[in-house]
Amino acid sequence: MKTYLVGGAVRDRLLGLPVHDRDFVVTGATPEMMLKRGFRQVGKDFPVFLHPETHEEYALARTEKKKGHGYDGFICDFSPDITIEEDLSRRDLTINAMAMDEDGNLVDPWGGLSDLKKHILRHTSPAFEEDPLRVLRVARFAARFAPLGFTVATGTMDLMKKIVRSGELSYLVPERVWQEFYKTLQHGMLDVFVRTLHECGALRAVFPELDALYGVPARKDWHPEVDTGIHMELCLRIISDDPDPVVKFGVFCHDFGKALTPKEQLPRHPLHGPKGVPLVERMCGRLRIPNEYRDFARIVCANHSLVHRFIRRSRASSALRVFMAIDAFRHPERVAMLAKAAATDYHGRLGFENLPYQPADYMLDMFEAVRKVSPADIIRAGAKGIQIKERLARHRMRALVLARREWFATHEIIPEKGGGWSRAQRALEPIRVREPDTIISH
């Protein structure tokens, strides 16, 4: 009975990266032997055990044989005579097919160490094509290790294209697709993830809503890159370093509606934001994406274009409508999240990367002003029933109008590339709301 450290822990240790999770493979053992040593068995398809003290995972060495479609279409053999080399042969990439024994000796039958040094993501064996999930895993590792210069080997990309052509991706379990995508949202260059899937043809099978954006033209003055798919890659590159995966997902979905624009309207995309909301809902339902991600992506789709117009031509009431639409008074964190997503959309254009984006600052400042209007103050002033709602709306509007006038009086409006903040568009509006019965401090 021998124990080996395997997979990502070995890979990351050799790369000099922090090792957060350790997995082990045990050879020469049976389930009964593991149980007698105090391990607790988990997993139904093949024996995996939790260490009685560290609770780390120990799996019996196993081999796999393809018997059907998809990720679960395998017959597993975990007899005690299976060697560590045989176990490693079933793994996806050479850099993940290394093991280390208890004395620190490296077991590397597939040249993973050499590929680590060359920064190459290469499949372990022709059996790679038996598991369609590996297409997503390669894209995820490409995204994660892109900052280190890793690229996908040509032969591996060819096998990924072969898997796509076979139709095997249609058998993927939605939860597994989301798991790989979620890991990329946490740690990885999202533009590399998307580009890798697009190159092998998998993006159309897994994320058709995003794939449909490639080849869709946009106005050259606003989008010098023209192709909306390239714009999405630029946006995803910018947002990849953000720590919030929910914001990243919102950016991933923000322009879905542009794929629906009739040809006669191109390269303009009127109302593309709201048009994209049903596509977000469809994708999230298909992949069983958590509601938190779906809800914010809907918000970004429907409202990011409105944020762009906050300074150019909208009135103070437009900001209040957006705050109400995103339920900002119950979820104030959404304002900063939406501002960040809108700024990413603006900067994700060739030549726009380092330009200032004032609408985000404006939006945050307006919300700070309006959230100071307290419903409690209105109630203490004597409002009851429907009066509370009416006066609250009136006081919020007054706070916004005053804050907007002050903002334009104290900020130098920076001309916008491709458009320009005209004085006519941003003319200071008069206060049109009726004076409140009692002045509420804000």
Protein backbone atom coordinates (compact mmCIF):
# COMPACT_ATOMS: atom_id res chain seq x y z
CA MET A 1 0.00 0.00 0.00
CA LYS A 2 1.53 3.32 -1.16
CA THR A 3 0.28 6.90 -1.02
CA TYR A 4 1.03 9.58 -3.62
CA LEU A 5 0.35 13.29 -3.77
CA VAL A 6 -1.18 13.90 -7.21
CA GLY A 7 -2.56 16.42 -9.67
CA GLY A 8 -2.76 20.13 -9.06
CA ALA A 9 -0.86 20.05 -5.78
CA VAL A 10 2.21 18.59 -7.50
CA ARG A 11 1.87 20.93 -10.47
CA ASP A 12 1.53 24.07 -8.36
CA ARG A 13 4.38 23.07 -6.04
CA LEU A 14 6.69 22.67 -9.05
CA LEU A 15 5.53 26.05 -10.38
CA GLY A 16 6.26 27.67 -7.04
CA LEU A 17 2.60 28.56 -6.52
CA PRO A 18 0.67 28.24 -3.24
CA VAL A 19 -0.89 24.80 -2.75
CA HIS A 20 -4.38 25.16 -1.30
CA ASP A 21 -5.84 21.68 -1.77
CA ARG A 22 -4.04 18.35 -1.71
CA ASP A 23 -5.36 15.15 -3.27
CA PHE A 24 -3.86 11.71 -2.83
CA VAL A 25 -3.97 8.40 -4.69
CA VAL A 26 -3.48 5.11 -2.89
CA THR A 27 -2.20 2.00 -4.68
CA GLY A 28 -2.28 -1.58 -3.43
CA ALA A 29 -5.34 -1.00 -1.25
CA THR A 30 -8.99 -2.03 -1.06
CA PRO A 31 -11.95 -0.15 0.37
CA GLU A 32 -11.93 -2.48 3.37
CA MET A 33 -8.31 -1.68 4.12
CA MET A 34 -9.03 2.05 4.01
CA LEU A 35 -12.02 1.74 6.32
CA LYS A 36 -9.99 -0.28 8.83
CA ARG A 37 -7.49 2.58 8.99
CA GLY A 38 -10.24 4.99 10.00
CA PHE A 39 -10.88 6.62 6.60
CA ARG A 40 -14.47 7.62 5.82
CA GLN A 41 -15.74 6.70 2.38
CA VAL A 42 -17.44 9.29 0.17
CA GLY A 43 -18.36 9.13 -3.49
CA LYS A 44 -20.61 6.59 -5.16
CA ASP A 45 -19.04 5.98 -8.57
CA PHE A 46 -15.58 5.11 -7.27
CA PRO A 47 -14.05 4.92 -3.80
CA VAL A 48 -12.82 8.21 -2.39
CA PHE A 49 -11.98 8.46 1.30
CA LEU A 50 -11.48 11.28 3.76
CA HIS A 51 -8.48 11.12 6.07
CA PRO A 52 -9.62 10.68 9.70
CA GLU A 53 -7.59 13.69 10.87
CA THR A 54 -6.85 16.03 7.95
CA HIS A 55 -10.08 15.26 6.03
CA GLU A 56 -8.09 15.42 2.78
CA GLU A 57 -9.21 13.21 -0.09
CA TYR A 58 -7.58 9.86 -0.76
CA ALA A 59 -8.75 7.98 -3.88
CA LEU A 60 -7.93 4.42 -4.81
CA ALA A 61 -5.90 4.19 -8.00
CA ARG A 62 -8.19 3.47 -10.90
CA THR A 63 -8.48 3.11 -14.65
CA GLU A 64 -11.39 4.17 -16.85
CA LYS A 65 -12.95 2.72 -19.96
CA LYS A 66 -15.38 4.59 -22.17
CA LYS A 67 -18.85 3.01 -22.26
CA GLY A 68 -21.22 5.83 -23.19
CA HIS A 69 -21.65 9.54 -23.79
CA GLY A 70 -20.60 12.43 -21.63
CA TYR A 71 -18.67 12.90 -18.43
CA ASP A 72 -20.32 9.96 -16.66
CA GLY A 73 -20.00 7.48 -19.54
CA PHE A 74 -17.11 5.47 -18.07
CA ILE A 75 -16.52 2.10 -16.41
CA CYS A 76 -14.02 2.40 -13.54
CA ASP A 77 -11.69 -0.30 -12.26
CA PHE A 78 -10.07 0.32 -8.86
CA SER A 79 -8.49 -3.04 -8.14
CA PRO A 80 -5.41 -3.01 -5.82
CA ASP A 81 -3.00 -4.08 -8.57
CA ILE A 82 -3.45 -0.85 -10.58
CA THR A 83 -0.20 1.13 -10.64
CA ILE A 84 0.25 4.84 -10.12
CA GLU A 85 1.40 5.13 -13.75
CA GLU A 86 -1.85 3.56 -14.95
CA ASP A 87 -3.85 5.93 -12.77
CA LEU A 88 -1.96 8.94 -14.12
CA SER A 89 -2.57 7.86 -17.71
CA ARG A 90 -6.28 8.66 -17.44
CA ARG A 91 -5.67 12.31 -16.49
CA ASP A 92 -6.27 15.16 -18.91
CA LEU A 93 -3.02 17.11 -19.24
CA THR A 94 0.59 16.12 -18.75
CA ILE A 95 1.09 18.87 -16.16
CA ASN A 96 -1.75 17.30 -14.14
CA ALA A 97 -0.45 13.73 -14.62
CA MET A 98 2.40 13.83 -12.14
CA ALA A 99 2.62 12.31 -8.68
CA MET A 100 4.98 12.54 -5.72
CA ASP A 101 5.59 9.68 -3.32
CA GLU A 102 5.99 9.99 0.43
CA ASP A 103 9.74 10.54 0.05
CA GLY A 104 9.25 13.42 -2.41
CA ASN A 105 10.23 11.45 -5.51
CA LEU A 106 8.48 12.62 -8.69
CA VAL A 107 6.53 10.15 -10.81
CA ASP A 108 6.22 11.69 -14.27
CA PRO A 109 5.43 9.12 -16.98
CA TRP A 110 4.03 11.66 -19.49
CA GLY A 111 6.61 14.43 -19.43
CA GLY A 112 4.61 16.88 -17.34
CA LEU A 113 7.69 18.53 -15.84
CA SER A 114 9.10 19.22 -19.30
CA ASP A 115 5.78 20.77 -20.40
CA LEU A 116 5.73 22.88 -17.24
CA LYS A 117 9.11 24.31 -18.15
CA LYS A 118 7.99 24.89 -21.76
CA HIS A 119 4.66 26.40 -20.61
CA ILE A 120 2.63 24.00 -22.74
CA LEU A 121 -0.81 22.54 -22.05
CA ARG A 122 -0.65 19.12 -23.71
CA HIS A 123 -3.02 16.15 -23.53
CA THR A 124 -1.73 13.06 -21.77
CA SER A 125 -2.90 10.40 -24.24
CA PRO A 126 -5.38 9.84 -27.09
CA ALA A 127 -7.90 8.89 -24.37
CA PHE A 128 -8.22 12.66 -23.84
CA GLU A 129 -11.00 12.78 -26.42
CA GLU A 130 -13.17 10.33 -24.47
CA ASP A 131 -14.24 13.00 -21.96
CA PRO A 132 -15.88 16.12 -23.45
CA LEU A 133 -15.50 18.03 -20.19
CA ARG A 134 -11.79 18.21 -20.91
CA VAL A 135 -12.44 20.85 -23.57
CA LEU A 136 -13.66 23.18 -20.84
CA ARG A 137 -10.89 22.13 -18.47
CA VAL A 138 -8.20 22.98 -21.03
CA ALA A 139 -9.84 26.38 -21.60
CA ARG A 140 -9.89 26.92 -17.84
CA PHE A 141 -6.22 26.02 -17.42
CA ALA A 142 -5.33 28.18 -20.41
CA ALA A 143 -7.12 31.07 -18.70
CA ARG A 144 -5.55 30.40 -15.32
CA PHE A 145 -1.97 30.04 -16.53
CA ALA A 146 -2.06 32.61 -19.34
CA PRO A 147 -0.19 35.17 -17.18
CA LEU A 148 2.66 32.63 -16.95
CA GLY A 149 2.79 32.28 -20.73
CA PHE A 150 1.10 28.89 -21.10
CA THR A 151 -0.44 27.99 -24.46
CA VAL A 152 -2.40 25.01 -25.77
CA ALA A 153 -0.41 22.47 -27.81
CA THR A 154 -1.49 22.18 -31.45
CA GLY A 155 -2.25 18.47 -31.11
CA THR A 156 -4.40 19.10 -28.06
CA MET A 157 -6.35 21.81 -29.86
CA ASP A 158 -6.91 19.38 -32.72
CA LEU A 159 -8.39 16.83 -30.30
CA MET A 160 -10.61 19.52 -28.79
CA LYS A 161 -11.93 20.34 -32.27
CA LYS A 162 -12.54 16.64 -32.84
CA ILE A 163 -14.58 16.41 -29.63
CA VAL A 164 -16.67 19.39 -30.73
CA ARG A 165 -17.33 17.84 -34.14
CA SER A 166 -18.41 14.57 -32.48
CA GLY A 167 -21.30 16.31 -30.72
CA GLU A 168 -20.17 15.01 -27.33
CA LEU A 169 -20.45 18.46 -25.75
CA SER A 170 -24.24 18.16 -25.91
CA TYR A 171 -24.01 15.41 -23.27
CA LEU A 172 -22.27 17.58 -20.69
CA VAL A 173 -24.06 17.90 -17.36
CA PRO A 174 -24.99 21.58 -16.78
CA GLU A 175 -23.58 21.59 -13.26
CA ARG A 176 -20.19 20.47 -14.56
CA VAL A 177 -20.14 23.22 -17.19
CA TRP A 178 -20.97 25.81 -14.54
CA GLN A 179 -18.30 24.40 -12.22
CA GLU A 180 -15.56 24.89 -14.81
CA PHE A 181 -16.88 28.32 -15.73
CA TYR A 182 -17.16 29.36 -12.08
CA LYS A 183 -13.56 28.36 -11.40
CA THR A 184 -12.52 30.55 -14.32
CA LEU A 185 -14.58 33.44 -12.99
CA GLN A 186 -12.68 33.08 -9.72
CA HIS A 187 -9.16 32.68 -11.10
CA GLY A 188 -8.40 33.15 -14.76
CA MET A 189 -8.16 35.42 -17.78
CA LEU A 190 -11.72 35.28 -19.07
CA ASP A 191 -10.76 36.49 -22.51
CA VAL A 192 -8.37 33.54 -22.89
CA PHE A 193 -11.11 31.16 -21.73
CA VAL A 194 -13.52 32.52 -24.35
CA ARG A 195 -10.93 32.70 -27.12
CA THR A 196 -9.82 29.10 -26.51
CA LEU A 197 -13.39 27.83 -26.67
CA HIS A 198 -14.07 29.93 -29.76
CA GLU A 199 -10.97 28.63 -31.53
CA CYS A 200 -11.97 24.98 -31.11
CA GLY A 201 -15.67 25.63 -31.84
CA ALA A 202 -16.89 24.80 -28.33
CA LEU A 203 -18.15 28.31 -27.57
CA ARG A 204 -21.04 27.82 -29.99
CA ALA A 205 -22.02 24.57 -28.27
CA VAL A 206 -21.69 25.74 -24.66
CA PHE A 207 -22.23 29.52 -24.75
CA PRO A 208 -24.06 30.18 -28.05
CA GLU A 209 -25.31 33.56 -26.77
CA LEU A 210 -21.73 34.84 -26.62
CA ASP A 211 -20.50 33.04 -29.72
CA ALA A 212 -23.22 34.77 -31.78
CA LEU A 213 -21.52 38.14 -31.15
CA TYR A 214 -18.51 37.31 -33.31
CA GLY A 215 -18.86 38.98 -36.69
CA VAL A 216 -21.57 41.39 -35.48
CA PRO A 217 -20.40 44.93 -36.41
CA ALA A 218 -20.68 48.01 -34.22
CA ARG A 219 -20.21 51.72 -34.96
CA LYS A 220 -16.54 52.35 -35.70
CA ASP A 221 -16.50 55.72 -33.91
CA TRP A 222 -17.57 54.04 -30.66
CA HIS A 223 -16.01 50.65 -31.33
CA PRO A 224 -12.81 50.91 -33.38
CA GLU A 225 -12.46 47.12 -33.06
CA VAL A 226 -15.84 46.89 -34.89
CA ASP A 227 -16.42 43.17 -34.17
CA THR A 228 -18.59 42.77 -31.07
CA GLY A 229 -16.94 39.45 -30.25
CA ILE A 230 -13.56 41.18 -30.08
CA HIS A 231 -15.12 43.90 -27.92
CA MET A 232 -16.28 41.20 -25.50
CA GLU A 233 -12.77 39.76 -25.31
CA LEU A 234 -11.36 43.23 -24.56
CA CYS A 235 -13.92 43.73 -21.79
CA LEU A 236 -13.24 40.32 -20.28
CA ARG A 237 -9.51 40.98 -20.31
CA ILE A 238 -10.05 44.17 -18.33
CA ILE A 239 -12.40 42.69 -15.74
CA SER A 240 -10.45 39.45 -15.20
CA ASP A 241 -8.46 40.85 -12.28
CA ASP A 242 -11.57 41.94 -10.40
CA PRO A 243 -12.18 39.86 -7.25
CA ASP A 244 -15.96 39.69 -7.70
CA PRO A 245 -17.08 36.80 -9.94
CA VAL A 246 -20.63 38.19 -10.06
CA VAL A 247 -19.42 41.41 -11.71
CA LYS A 248 -17.34 39.38 -14.16
CA PHE A 249 -20.37 37.33 -15.10
CA GLY A 250 -22.38 40.50 -15.68
CA VAL A 251 -19.72 41.77 -18.09
CA PHE A 252 -19.69 38.36 -19.80
CA CYS A 253 -23.40 38.78 -20.59
CA HIS A 254 -23.79 42.53 -21.11
CA ASP A 255 -23.96 42.65 -24.94
CA PHE A 256 -25.90 39.46 -25.71
CA GLY A 257 -28.69 41.54 -27.26
CA LYS A 258 -26.49 42.83 -30.08
CA ALA A 259 -26.74 39.43 -31.77
CA LEU A 260 -30.46 40.10 -32.24
CA THR A 261 -30.11 43.42 -34.08
CA PRO A 262 -31.77 43.29 -37.54
CA LYS A 263 -29.25 43.65 -40.38
CA GLU A 264 -30.91 46.81 -41.67
CA GLN A 265 -30.16 48.56 -38.35
CA LEU A 266 -26.48 47.64 -38.21
CA PRO A 267 -24.01 48.90 -37.13
CA ARG A 268 -26.28 50.60 -34.57
CA HIS A 269 -27.88 48.48 -31.87
CA PRO A 270 -30.96 50.25 -30.50
CA LEU A 271 -32.30 48.74 -27.27
CA HIS A 272 -29.76 45.94 -27.37
CA GLY A 273 -29.58 45.98 -23.58
CA PRO A 274 -33.18 45.01 -22.79
CA LYS A 275 -33.19 42.64 -25.77
CA GLY A 276 -30.37 40.69 -24.18
CA VAL A 277 -32.20 39.99 -20.90
CA PRO A 278 -34.17 36.96 -22.21
CA LEU A 279 -30.92 35.51 -23.57
CA VAL A 280 -29.33 35.82 -20.15
CA GLU A 281 -32.32 34.09 -18.60
CA ARG A 282 -32.17 31.31 -21.19
CA MET A 283 -28.49 30.63 -20.63
CA CYS A 284 -28.77 30.72 -16.85
CA GLY A 285 -31.72 28.33 -16.96
CA ARG A 286 -29.93 25.95 -19.30
CA LEU A 287 -26.74 25.83 -17.23
CA ARG A 288 -28.51 26.15 -13.85
CA ILE A 289 -26.48 29.20 -12.93
CA PRO A 290 -27.19 30.58 -9.43
CA ASN A 291 -29.83 33.29 -9.16
CA GLU A 292 -27.38 35.85 -7.79
CA TYR A 293 -25.40 35.72 -11.03
CA ARG A 294 -28.51 35.69 -13.22
CA ASP A 295 -30.09 38.67 -11.45
CA PHE A 296 -27.01 40.86 -11.73
CA ALA A 297 -26.41 39.92 -15.37
CA ARG A 298 -29.98 41.00 -16.14
CA ILE A 299 -29.28 44.32 -14.42
CA VAL A 300 -26.12 44.91 -16.46
CA CYS A 301 -27.83 43.98 -19.73
CA ALA A 302 -30.78 46.26 -19.17
CA ASN A 303 -28.97 49.27 -17.72
CA HIS A 304 -25.35 49.58 -18.85
CA SER A 305 -26.27 51.80 -21.82
CA LEU A 306 -28.29 54.07 -19.53
CA VAL A 307 -25.22 54.61 -17.36
CA HIS A 308 -23.28 55.75 -20.45
CA ARG A 309 -25.94 58.42 -21.08
CA PHE A 310 -26.10 59.78 -17.53
CA ILE A 311 -23.92 62.80 -18.36
CA ARG A 312 -24.48 63.12 -22.10
CA ARG A 313 -28.22 63.70 -22.16
CA SER A 314 -30.20 62.18 -19.33
CA ARG A 315 -32.01 64.09 -16.61
CA ALA A 316 -31.73 63.48 -12.89
CA SER A 317 -34.88 61.39 -13.05
CA SER A 318 -33.05 58.86 -15.24
CA ALA A 319 -30.64 58.05 -12.42
CA LEU A 320 -33.53 57.56 -9.99
CA ARG A 321 -35.27 55.22 -12.43
CA VAL A 322 -32.11 53.12 -12.67
CA PHE A 323 -31.72 53.03 -8.88
CA MET A 324 -35.30 51.86 -8.55
CA ALA A 325 -34.96 49.33 -11.37
CA ILE A 326 -31.95 47.64 -9.75
CA ASP A 327 -33.53 47.76 -6.27
CA ALA A 328 -30.56 49.80 -5.09
CA PHE A 329 -32.08 50.97 -1.82
CA ARG A 330 -32.31 47.37 -0.60
CA HIS A 331 -29.14 46.27 -2.43
CA PRO A 332 -26.86 49.34 -2.40
CA GLU A 333 -23.84 47.26 -3.44
CA ARG A 334 -25.39 46.89 -6.89
CA VAL A 335 -24.71 50.54 -7.73
CA ALA A 336 -20.94 50.19 -7.53
CA MET A 337 -21.12 46.83 -9.28
CA LEU A 338 -23.13 48.26 -12.18
CA ALA A 339 -20.83 51.29 -12.39
CA LYS A 340 -17.84 48.97 -12.65
CA ALA A 341 -19.49 46.86 -15.36
CA ALA A 342 -20.42 49.96 -17.38
CA ALA A 343 -16.89 51.34 -17.07
CA THR A 344 -15.54 48.00 -18.30
CA ASP A 345 -17.85 48.15 -21.32
CA TYR A 346 -16.54 51.64 -22.11
CA HIS A 347 -12.87 50.77 -21.67
CA GLY A 348 -13.15 47.50 -23.59
CA ARG A 349 -12.64 49.24 -26.93
CA LEU A 350 -9.48 49.80 -28.92
CA GLY A 351 -8.00 53.13 -27.90
CA PHE A 352 -10.42 53.61 -24.98
CA GLU A 353 -8.54 51.49 -22.45
CA ASN A 354 -7.01 54.34 -20.41
CA LEU A 355 -9.58 57.10 -20.96
CA PRO A 356 -11.49 58.56 -18.01
CA TYR A 357 -15.07 57.39 -17.60
CA GLN A 358 -17.00 60.03 -15.67
CA PRO A 359 -20.48 58.43 -15.72
CA ALA A 360 -19.35 55.85 -13.15
CA ASP A 361 -18.25 58.58 -10.72
CA TYR A 362 -21.41 60.54 -11.42
CA MET A 363 -23.59 57.52 -10.72
CA LEU A 364 -21.88 56.78 -7.40
CA ASP A 365 -22.12 60.42 -6.29
CA MET A 366 -25.80 60.65 -7.20
CA PHE A 367 -26.59 57.52 -5.23
CA GLU A 368 -24.74 58.83 -2.18
CA ALA A 369 -26.90 61.94 -2.34
CA VAL A 370 -30.22 60.18 -2.77
CA ARG A 371 -29.65 57.47 -0.17
CA LYS A 372 -29.34 60.16 2.51
CA VAL A 373 -33.06 60.78 2.16
CA SER A 374 -34.45 58.81 5.07
CA PRO A 375 -37.96 57.27 5.08
CA ALA A 376 -37.82 57.53 8.87
CA ASP A 377 -37.49 61.31 8.64
CA ILE A 378 -40.53 61.47 6.39
CA ILE A 379 -42.58 59.38 8.81
CA ARG A 380 -41.50 61.53 11.75
CA ALA A 381 -42.60 64.58 9.73
CA GLY A 382 -46.14 63.21 9.82
CA ALA A 383 -46.53 61.33 6.55
CA LYS A 384 -48.80 58.29 6.63
CA GLY A 385 -49.80 55.53 4.22
CA ILE A 386 -49.44 56.40 0.57
CA GLN A 387 -48.04 59.81 1.56
CA ILE A 388 -44.81 58.12 2.65
CA LYS A 389 -44.17 56.72 -0.81
CA GLU A 390 -45.13 59.95 -2.58
CA ARG A 391 -43.03 62.21 -0.36
CA LEU A 392 -40.09 59.82 -0.40
CA ALA A 393 -40.06 59.92 -4.21
CA ARG A 394 -40.33 63.71 -4.18
CA HIS A 395 -37.53 64.18 -1.66
CA ARG A 396 -35.30 61.77 -3.55
CA MET A 397 -35.87 63.66 -6.78
CA ARG A 398 -35.07 66.97 -5.12
CA ALA A 399 -31.89 65.51 -3.64
CA LEU A 400 -30.87 64.24 -7.07
CA VAL A 401 -31.59 67.51 -8.84
CA LEU A 402 -29.57 69.48 -6.29
CA ALA A 403 -26.73 66.97 -6.35
CA ARG A 404 -26.68 66.98 -10.15
CA ARG A 405 -26.45 70.78 -10.29
CA GLU A 406 -23.64 70.78 -7.75
CA TRP A 407 -21.82 68.00 -9.60
CA PHE A 408 -21.77 69.88 -12.91
CA ALA A 409 -20.75 73.07 -11.11
CA THR A 410 -17.75 71.40 -9.48
CA HIS A 411 -16.57 68.98 -12.19
CA GLU A 412 -14.84 69.71 -15.46
CA ILE A 413 -16.58 67.59 -18.07
CA ILE A 414 -14.00 65.68 -20.07
CA PRO A 415 -14.90 65.33 -23.78
CA GLU A 416 -15.83 61.80 -24.65
CA LYS A 417 -13.92 60.03 -27.41
CA GLY A 418 -16.23 59.29 -30.30
CA GLY A 419 -18.95 61.57 -29.02
CA GLY A 420 -18.34 64.48 -26.70
CA TRP A 421 -20.23 65.92 -23.77
CA SER A 422 -22.00 68.90 -25.38
CA ARG A 423 -23.09 71.76 -23.18
CA ALA A 424 -26.52 71.60 -24.76
CA GLN A 425 -26.90 67.99 -23.74
CA ARG A 426 -25.77 68.57 -20.19
CA ALA A 427 -27.52 71.91 -19.63
CA LEU A 428 -28.35 72.37 -15.99
CA GLU A 429 -31.99 71.66 -15.52
CA PRO A 430 -34.21 73.81 -13.30
CA ILE A 431 -35.73 72.31 -10.20
CA ARG A 432 -39.14 71.15 -11.40
CA VAL A 433 -40.26 69.11 -8.39
CA ARG A 434 -42.74 70.59 -5.93
CA GLU A 435 -41.20 71.84 -2.71
CA PRO A 436 -41.69 69.25 0.05
CA ASP A 437 -43.94 70.15 2.96
CA THR A 438 -41.05 69.68 5.35
CA ILE A 439 -37.46 70.05 4.25
CA ILE A 440 -35.64 66.76 4.74
CA SER A 441 -31.94 67.07 5.42
CA HIS A 442 -29.73 65.47 2.82
